[in-house]
Amino acid sequence: MLKGKKIILGITGSIAAYKAAFLTRLLIRQGAEVKIVITPCGKEFITPVTLATLSKNTVLCDFFSHDDGAWNSHIDLGIWADVMLIAPASANTIAKMANGIADNLLLTTYLSAKCPVVVAPAMDLDMFRHPATAKNLVTLQSFGNFIIEPTSGELASGLDGKGRMEEPEEITSWLIEFFKKKSRFSGKKILITAGPTFEKIDPVRFIGNHSSGKMGYALAKTFADQGAYVNLVSGPVSIGLPNPAVKIHPVVSADDMNQAASTLFPDMDIAIFAAAVADYKPSSQSESKIKRSGNDLLLNLIPNEDIAAKLGRLRSENQILVGFALESDDAVNNASRKLADKNLDLIVLNRINDPGAGFNVDTNRILIIGKDNIHKNFELKSKDNVAKDIVDEIFNLMINGSYA
């Protein structure tokens, strides 16, 4: 199942390093090519000779060979690999990764890696539950790294609790599923709208909303991570590029977004309308700044075209369309009505009054509604994890042909 996959296995100073021998053998049996990078402390727990024999590759620890001065390039390693797996990952190495410290070959390889990075922590339970470790793991996840949670059980200290590195068989299964997901949308073209739109009043004022764009950007990253070619039509946001495979089309107004989305739409397999597009815009815009007069300022607002509804009318039979609804009153009925009126396959409902959901937060709680009035509720999660749930539902719809 891992045939042809190139894996860097990083090993740090932990009693769980003995499991790395079993893990290496399992990865090789699955067809992977494994190159091992070990920290100096890691060599105190397992010998490079054992690991080199199992991996059929020289085990790397130092920046250069002390025999002939040959340089071990962390850059080349980072380019070569399909995934970097650090198992076991000690509290010390996790802390250094989270803070960009590069004092050994494993850490410089991590900082240079162009591939996904997977971390399997192993440490005593007090170290694992220490606030510093918890914070460092959250930081690594915010960088896009994946964490394979340790299990609970008897630890080397004699204590019993969470901190045992996950078993090699489970880590191998995790990697197999990871690579399956990584290619789920291979070759698929995705259109995502994200962020707010700004509707100009004069050169310095506009009508806008509080959308941060985080949900749309998280969706773009998740699709790209799973092999899709993503076009992200983004209103004004302060978010970095979610993935090098995502092509961003920056826009400002609803008209700009309408034009960009309409141009891209015919070639797309899936379209997701996650942007908070302004429903109205000023009927006219002043070319010079409107001066304060002390009198009331009246704006005449006219409706913007509904992008999702427009493209829903133009869709082909094979396209999948997903919309978003942010509601406060009679939320489910209003969202269901939008699903039908806009000719969508799914609609993702957010409720304004749900704590931790909506604009300008890092979490969300959603309800997905499909045709035939099928509802699926999801718990409050980070927007990155919400994006994964949405993408999973879209994949199931794509494979099964219906939402159930």
Protein backbone atom coordinates (compact mmCIF):
# COMPACT_ATOMS: atom_id res chain seq x y z
CA MET A 1 0.00 0.00 0.00
CA LEU A 2 3.02 2.31 0.37
CA LYS A 3 4.80 1.11 -2.75
CA GLY A 4 7.08 3.79 -4.16
CA LYS A 5 6.53 6.19 -1.25
CA LYS A 6 9.66 7.90 0.06
CA ILE A 7 9.66 8.30 3.82
CA ILE A 8 12.10 10.07 6.11
CA LEU A 9 11.90 8.44 9.53
CA GLY A 10 13.17 10.74 12.27
CA ILE A 11 14.13 9.11 15.58
CA THR A 12 14.75 11.08 18.77
CA GLY A 13 15.93 10.27 22.27
CA SER A 14 13.17 8.19 23.79
CA ILE A 15 12.85 4.68 25.17
CA ALA A 16 10.23 4.20 22.46
CA ALA A 17 13.05 4.31 19.89
CA TYR A 18 13.06 0.51 19.98
CA LYS A 19 9.67 0.64 18.23
CA ALA A 20 11.36 2.40 15.31
CA ALA A 21 12.95 -0.91 14.31
CA PHE A 22 9.54 -2.58 14.00
CA LEU A 23 8.13 0.50 12.28
CA THR A 24 10.96 0.52 9.73
CA ARG A 25 10.37 -3.15 8.91
CA LEU A 26 6.63 -2.57 8.45
CA LEU A 27 7.19 0.41 6.15
CA ILE A 28 9.66 -1.56 4.04
CA ARG A 29 7.22 -4.49 3.82
CA GLN A 30 4.56 -2.09 2.54
CA GLY A 31 6.89 -1.08 -0.30
CA ALA A 32 8.17 2.23 1.05
CA GLU A 33 11.72 3.49 0.71
CA VAL A 34 12.93 4.63 4.12
CA LYS A 35 15.80 6.95 5.00
CA ILE A 36 16.45 7.39 8.70
CA VAL A 37 17.69 10.53 10.44
CA ILE A 38 18.48 10.07 14.12
CA THR A 39 19.40 12.60 16.79
CA PRO A 40 22.64 12.11 18.78
CA CYS A 41 20.55 11.28 21.85
CA GLY A 42 18.51 8.81 19.81
CA LYS A 43 21.65 6.73 19.21
CA GLU A 44 21.78 6.11 22.97
CA PHE A 45 18.55 4.11 22.68
CA ILE A 46 18.95 2.20 19.39
CA THR A 47 22.00 1.60 17.20
CA PRO A 48 22.34 2.93 13.65
CA VAL A 49 23.61 -0.53 12.60
CA THR A 50 20.22 -2.08 13.43
CA LEU A 51 18.31 0.66 11.63
CA ALA A 52 20.60 0.64 8.58
CA THR A 53 20.18 -3.11 8.24
CA LEU A 54 16.39 -2.86 8.37
CA SER A 55 16.07 0.21 6.12
CA LYS A 56 18.80 -0.82 3.67
CA ASN A 57 20.03 2.78 3.80
CA THR A 58 22.78 4.55 5.71
CA VAL A 59 21.45 6.10 8.90
CA LEU A 60 22.19 9.83 9.07
CA CYS A 61 22.96 11.72 12.25
CA ASP A 62 25.68 14.30 11.60
CA PHE A 63 25.85 17.19 9.17
CA PHE A 64 28.93 15.65 7.56
CA SER A 65 30.84 12.38 7.60
CA HIS A 66 33.76 12.44 10.01
CA ASP A 67 35.63 9.98 7.79
CA ASP A 68 35.70 11.84 4.49
CA GLY A 69 33.89 15.13 5.17
CA ALA A 70 30.98 14.28 2.86
CA TRP A 71 28.03 16.64 3.47
CA ASN A 72 24.63 15.24 4.38
CA SER A 73 22.24 17.70 2.76
CA HIS A 74 19.10 18.32 4.78
CA ILE A 75 17.76 20.27 1.80
CA ASP A 76 18.06 17.30 -0.55
CA LEU A 77 16.38 15.07 2.03
CA GLY A 78 13.48 17.48 2.39
CA ILE A 79 12.96 17.56 -1.38
CA TRP A 80 13.31 13.77 -1.79
CA ALA A 81 10.63 12.68 0.68
CA ASP A 82 6.89 12.21 0.21
CA VAL A 83 6.45 12.41 3.98
CA MET A 84 8.62 12.99 7.04
CA LEU A 85 7.62 10.88 10.05
CA ILE A 86 9.18 11.63 13.43
CA ALA A 87 8.57 8.61 15.65
CA PRO A 88 9.32 8.72 18.48
CA ALA A 89 9.24 12.48 18.94
CA SER A 90 10.50 13.55 22.35
CA ALA A 91 9.27 16.60 24.25
CA ASN A 92 12.65 18.23 23.62
CA THR A 93 12.50 17.77 19.83
CA ILE A 94 8.85 18.88 19.70
CA ALA A 95 9.78 22.07 21.56
CA LYS A 96 12.64 22.77 19.17
CA MET A 97 10.45 22.15 16.12
CA ALA A 98 7.81 24.53 17.45
CA ASN A 99 10.40 27.26 17.96
CA GLY A 100 12.53 26.84 14.83
CA ILE A 101 15.66 25.61 16.60
CA ALA A 102 17.99 23.75 14.23
CA ASP A 103 20.85 22.26 16.21
CA ASN A 104 20.96 18.80 14.64
CA LEU A 105 20.41 17.17 11.25
CA LEU A 106 16.89 15.99 12.05
CA LEU A 107 15.74 19.51 12.92
CA THR A 108 17.36 21.15 9.89
CA THR A 109 15.72 18.47 7.73
CA TYR A 110 12.36 19.27 9.33
CA LEU A 111 12.75 23.00 8.68
CA SER A 112 13.70 22.28 5.05
CA ALA A 113 11.01 19.68 4.35
CA LYS A 114 8.76 20.35 1.38
CA CYS A 115 6.62 17.34 2.26
CA PRO A 116 3.97 16.75 4.94
CA VAL A 117 5.38 16.15 8.43
CA VAL A 118 3.87 13.63 10.85
CA VAL A 119 4.78 13.61 14.54
CA ALA A 120 4.27 10.67 16.93
CA PRO A 121 5.04 11.94 20.47
CA ALA A 122 6.51 9.69 23.14
CA MET A 123 7.23 10.82 26.71
CA ASP A 124 6.19 10.43 30.32
CA LEU A 125 2.63 11.47 31.14
CA ASP A 126 3.65 14.55 33.17
CA MET A 127 5.78 15.79 30.29
CA PHE A 128 2.99 15.14 27.79
CA ARG A 129 0.34 16.99 29.77
CA HIS A 130 2.61 19.90 30.68
CA PRO A 131 1.19 23.19 29.29
CA ALA A 132 4.41 23.84 27.36
CA THR A 133 4.15 20.52 25.49
CA ALA A 134 0.45 21.08 24.80
CA LYS A 135 1.21 24.54 23.44
CA ASN A 136 4.05 23.23 21.27
CA LEU A 137 1.85 20.52 19.75
CA VAL A 138 -0.83 23.10 18.94
CA THR A 139 1.87 25.24 17.32
CA LEU A 140 3.05 22.33 15.18
CA GLN A 141 -0.52 21.66 14.06
CA SER A 142 -0.90 25.34 13.16
CA PHE A 143 2.12 24.90 10.88
CA GLY A 144 0.23 22.15 9.05
CA ASN A 145 2.00 19.24 10.76
CA PHE A 146 0.03 16.11 11.65
CA ILE A 147 0.04 14.64 15.16
CA ILE A 148 -0.49 10.93 15.85
CA GLU A 149 -1.71 11.03 19.43
CA PRO A 150 0.12 8.84 21.96
CA THR A 151 -1.82 6.14 23.75
CA SER A 152 -2.33 5.45 27.44
CA GLY A 153 -0.68 2.62 29.30
CA GLU A 154 2.33 1.64 31.37
CA LEU A 155 5.24 4.00 30.81
CA ALA A 156 8.98 3.51 31.23
CA SER A 157 8.85 5.48 34.47
CA GLY A 158 6.49 2.90 35.95
CA LEU A 159 3.60 5.36 35.87
CA ASP A 160 0.43 4.64 33.95
CA GLY A 161 -1.09 7.26 31.65
CA LYS A 162 -0.97 8.95 28.26
CA GLY A 163 2.43 9.24 26.61
CA ARG A 164 3.16 5.89 24.93
CA MET A 165 4.06 6.25 21.27
CA GLU A 166 1.35 4.74 19.09
CA GLU A 167 2.17 1.19 17.98
CA PRO A 168 4.05 0.72 14.67
CA GLU A 169 1.10 -1.13 13.11
CA GLU A 170 -1.23 1.79 13.84
CA ILE A 171 1.26 4.36 12.53
CA THR A 172 1.67 2.34 9.33
CA SER A 173 -2.11 2.16 8.92
CA TRP A 174 -2.32 5.92 9.51
CA LEU A 175 0.19 6.52 6.70
CA ILE A 176 -1.68 4.22 4.33
CA GLU A 177 -4.92 6.13 4.96
CA PHE A 178 -3.06 9.42 4.66
CA PHE A 179 -1.78 8.61 1.18
CA LYS A 180 -5.21 7.35 0.14
CA LYS A 181 -6.71 10.70 1.14
CA LYS A 182 -3.84 12.62 -0.43
CA SER A 183 -4.93 11.48 -3.89
CA ARG A 184 -8.71 11.49 -3.42
CA PHE A 185 -9.22 14.62 -5.55
CA SER A 186 -6.27 14.10 -7.89
CA GLY A 187 -6.99 15.87 -11.17
CA LYS A 188 -10.16 17.54 -9.86
CA LYS A 189 -10.59 21.28 -10.37
CA ILE A 190 -12.08 23.14 -7.43
CA LEU A 191 -13.48 26.69 -7.23
CA ILE A 192 -13.73 28.23 -3.75
CA THR A 193 -14.89 31.74 -2.90
CA ALA A 194 -13.71 33.10 0.44
CA GLY A 195 -13.61 36.19 2.64
CA PRO A 196 -15.70 39.35 2.57
CA THR A 197 -16.41 41.77 -0.24
CA PHE A 198 -15.97 45.52 0.13
CA GLU A 199 -18.52 47.73 -1.60
CA LYS A 200 -17.11 51.19 -2.27
CA ILE A 201 -18.85 54.31 -0.97
CA ASP A 202 -16.03 56.73 -1.75
CA PRO A 203 -12.22 56.37 -2.03
CA VAL A 204 -11.82 55.76 1.72
CA ARG A 205 -15.10 54.18 2.86
CA PHE A 206 -16.86 50.95 2.07
CA ILE A 207 -19.59 48.57 3.17
CA GLY A 208 -18.15 45.27 4.40
CA ASN A 209 -18.52 42.53 6.97
CA HIS A 210 -16.45 40.70 9.58
CA SER A 211 -15.57 37.62 7.52
CA SER A 212 -11.92 36.62 8.02
CA GLY A 213 -11.79 34.12 5.15
CA LYS A 214 -10.41 31.42 7.46
CA MET A 215 -13.04 28.84 6.55
CA GLY A 216 -12.58 29.22 2.81
CA TYR A 217 -8.79 29.16 3.12
CA ALA A 218 -8.94 26.04 5.28
CA LEU A 219 -11.07 24.36 2.60
CA ALA A 220 -8.60 25.39 -0.10
CA LYS A 221 -5.70 23.88 1.85
CA THR A 222 -7.56 20.65 2.56
CA PHE A 223 -8.51 20.14 -1.09
CA ALA A 224 -4.97 20.93 -2.26
CA ASP A 225 -3.56 18.53 0.33
CA GLN A 226 -5.76 15.83 -1.20
CA GLY A 227 -4.52 16.36 -4.73
CA ALA A 228 -6.96 18.91 -6.14
CA TYR A 229 -6.14 21.89 -8.32
CA VAL A 230 -7.74 24.76 -6.42
CA ASN A 231 -8.77 28.22 -7.63
CA LEU A 232 -9.44 30.44 -4.62
CA VAL A 233 -11.36 33.63 -5.38
CA SER A 234 -10.62 35.68 -2.31
CA GLY A 235 -11.96 38.94 -1.00
CA PRO A 236 -9.70 41.19 1.11
CA VAL A 237 -8.20 39.08 3.92
CA SER A 238 -5.02 38.91 5.98
CA ILE A 239 -4.17 35.25 5.52
CA GLY A 240 -1.12 33.68 3.93
CA LEU A 241 -1.11 31.30 0.97
CA PRO A 242 -2.76 28.07 2.23
CA ASN A 243 -0.81 25.72 -0.05
CA PRO A 244 1.53 26.30 -3.03
CA ALA A 245 -0.90 24.31 -5.17
CA VAL A 246 -3.67 26.88 -4.57
CA LYS A 247 -4.04 29.64 -7.14
CA ILE A 248 -5.44 32.79 -5.54
CA HIS A 249 -7.55 35.27 -7.51
CA PRO A 250 -7.77 38.42 -5.33
CA VAL A 251 -10.92 40.51 -5.65
CA VAL A 252 -12.49 43.37 -3.74
CA SER A 253 -16.17 43.84 -4.57
CA ALA A 254 -19.05 41.45 -5.17
CA ASP A 255 -18.96 42.37 -8.85
CA ASP A 256 -15.25 41.46 -8.96
CA MET A 257 -15.95 38.14 -7.29
CA ASN A 258 -18.87 37.46 -9.60
CA GLN A 259 -16.77 38.06 -12.69
CA ALA A 260 -13.82 35.95 -11.49
CA ALA A 261 -15.99 33.05 -10.30
CA SER A 262 -18.13 33.10 -13.46
CA THR A 263 -15.03 32.98 -15.68
CA LEU A 264 -13.55 30.01 -13.83
CA PHE A 265 -16.76 28.09 -13.18
CA PRO A 266 -17.34 26.25 -16.50
CA ASP A 267 -14.08 24.28 -16.15
CA MET A 268 -14.58 23.33 -12.49
CA ASP A 269 -15.64 19.95 -11.13
CA ILE A 270 -16.64 21.32 -7.73
CA ALA A 271 -17.59 24.84 -6.62
CA ILE A 272 -17.84 25.94 -2.98
CA PHE A 273 -19.33 29.33 -2.17
CA ALA A 274 -17.83 30.11 1.25
CA ALA A 275 -17.44 33.88 0.78
CA ALA A 276 -19.55 36.37 2.73
CA VAL A 277 -20.63 38.32 -0.32
CA ALA A 278 -22.34 41.64 0.34
CA ASP A 279 -26.03 41.43 -0.54
CA TYR A 280 -26.17 45.15 -1.36
CA LYS A 281 -23.92 47.88 -2.73
CA PRO A 282 -24.29 51.67 -3.04
CA SER A 283 -26.12 52.64 -6.21
CA SER A 284 -23.36 55.15 -6.91
CA GLN A 285 -19.82 55.73 -5.63
CA SER A 286 -18.26 59.11 -5.04
CA GLU A 287 -14.92 59.61 -6.80
CA SER A 288 -13.79 61.99 -4.07
CA LYS A 289 -13.99 61.69 -0.29
CA ILE A 290 -17.40 62.65 1.07
CA LYS A 291 -16.84 65.46 3.55
CA ARG A 292 -18.51 65.46 6.95
CA SER A 293 -21.35 68.01 6.96
CA GLY A 294 -23.13 67.32 10.23
CA ASN A 295 -26.25 66.27 8.34
CA ASP A 296 -27.56 62.75 7.83
CA LEU A 297 -25.89 60.82 5.03
CA LEU A 298 -28.33 58.68 3.11
CA LEU A 299 -27.09 55.77 0.99
CA ASN A 300 -29.25 54.19 -1.66
CA LEU A 301 -28.39 50.48 -1.75
CA ILE A 302 -29.12 48.15 -4.64
CA PRO A 303 -28.80 44.34 -4.62
CA ASN A 304 -25.72 42.52 -5.84
CA GLU A 305 -26.24 39.52 -8.07
CA ASP A 306 -26.38 36.25 -6.11
CA ILE A 307 -23.27 34.43 -7.36
CA ALA A 308 -24.25 30.98 -6.08
CA ALA A 309 -27.76 31.23 -7.51
CA LYS A 310 -26.44 32.44 -10.87
CA LEU A 311 -23.93 29.61 -11.18
CA GLY A 312 -26.48 27.12 -9.87
CA ARG A 313 -28.60 27.93 -12.91
CA LEU A 314 -25.61 27.46 -15.23
CA ARG A 315 -24.22 24.25 -13.70
CA SER A 316 -23.68 21.09 -15.66
CA GLU A 317 -25.02 17.74 -14.52
CA ASN A 318 -21.57 16.53 -13.42
CA GLN A 319 -20.64 19.53 -11.29
CA ILE A 320 -20.98 19.54 -7.49
CA LEU A 321 -22.02 22.82 -5.83
CA VAL A 322 -21.80 23.59 -2.12
CA GLY A 323 -23.03 26.74 -0.44
CA PHE A 324 -22.79 28.31 3.00
CA ALA A 325 -25.55 29.88 5.07
CA LEU A 326 -25.03 32.06 8.13
CA GLU A 327 -28.37 32.34 9.90
CA SER A 328 -29.82 33.64 13.15
CA ASP A 329 -33.57 32.89 12.96
CA ASP A 330 -35.31 29.74 11.68
CA ALA A 331 -31.84 28.65 10.59
CA VAL A 332 -32.52 25.15 9.23
CA ASN A 333 -35.55 26.16 7.17
CA ASN A 334 -33.78 29.21 5.75
CA ALA A 335 -30.71 27.17 4.83
CA SER A 336 -32.84 24.42 3.25
CA ARG A 337 -34.64 27.04 1.19
CA LYS A 338 -31.31 28.39 -0.08
CA LEU A 339 -30.20 24.87 -0.97
CA ALA A 340 -33.22 24.44 -3.22
CA ASP A 341 -33.41 27.98 -4.60
CA LYS A 342 -29.74 28.03 -5.62
CA ASN A 343 -29.72 24.49 -7.04
CA LEU A 344 -26.96 23.29 -4.68
CA ASP A 345 -26.01 19.76 -3.70
CA LEU A 346 -25.07 20.64 -0.12
CA ILE A 347 -25.33 23.66 2.13
CA VAL A 348 -23.22 24.25 5.24
CA LEU A 349 -25.15 26.01 7.98
CA ASN A 350 -23.55 28.26 10.62
CA ARG A 351 -25.63 29.86 13.34
CA ILE A 352 -24.67 33.38 14.42
CA ASN A 353 -25.71 32.70 18.01
CA ASP A 354 -23.62 29.51 18.41
CA PRO A 355 -20.65 30.24 20.73
CA GLY A 356 -17.33 29.82 18.92
CA ALA A 357 -18.89 29.83 15.44
CA GLY A 358 -19.15 32.38 12.66
CA PHE A 359 -16.87 35.30 11.82
CA ASN A 360 -13.45 36.17 13.21
CA VAL A 361 -12.93 33.02 15.29
CA ASP A 362 -10.73 29.96 14.74
CA THR A 363 -13.52 27.46 15.43
CA ASN A 364 -16.83 26.59 13.85
CA ARG A 365 -19.86 24.41 14.45
CA ILE A 366 -21.76 23.35 11.37
CA LEU A 367 -24.80 21.47 10.16
CA ILE A 368 -24.61 20.09 6.61
CA ILE A 369 -27.89 19.77 4.73
CA GLY A 370 -28.23 17.72 1.57
CA LYS A 371 -31.05 17.07 -0.83
CA ASP A 372 -34.00 15.05 0.48
CA ASN A 373 -33.64 17.10 3.69
CA ILE A 374 -30.78 14.96 5.06
CA HIS A 375 -29.03 16.70 8.01
CA LYS A 376 -25.64 15.94 9.55
CA ASN A 377 -24.58 17.74 12.72
CA PHE A 378 -20.94 18.30 13.67
CA GLU A 379 -19.41 19.35 16.98
CA LEU A 380 -17.49 22.58 17.58
CA LYS A 381 -14.03 22.17 16.05
CA SER A 382 -11.16 24.19 14.66
CA LYS A 383 -11.88 25.51 11.19
CA ASP A 384 -9.09 23.30 9.84
CA ASN A 385 -10.89 20.23 11.16
CA VAL A 386 -14.28 21.55 10.03
CA ALA A 387 -12.79 21.87 6.53
CA LYS A 388 -11.74 18.21 6.65
CA ASP A 389 -15.29 17.20 7.64
CA ILE A 390 -16.76 19.19 4.75
CA VAL A 391 -14.27 17.76 2.26
CA ASP A 392 -15.00 14.23 3.50
CA GLU A 393 -18.72 14.79 2.91
CA ILE A 394 -18.06 16.17 -0.59
CA PHE A 395 -15.86 13.16 -1.38
CA ASN A 396 -18.60 10.76 -0.25
CA LEU A 397 -21.11 12.64 -2.40
CA MET A 398 -18.73 12.50 -5.38
CA ILE A 399 -18.19 8.75 -4.98
CA ASN A 400 -21.75 7.71 -4.14
CA GLY A 401 -23.61 10.12 -6.38
CA SER A 402 -26.00 11.11 -3.61
CA TYR A 403 -25.89 12.44 -0.07
CA ALA A 404 -26.86 9.96 2.63
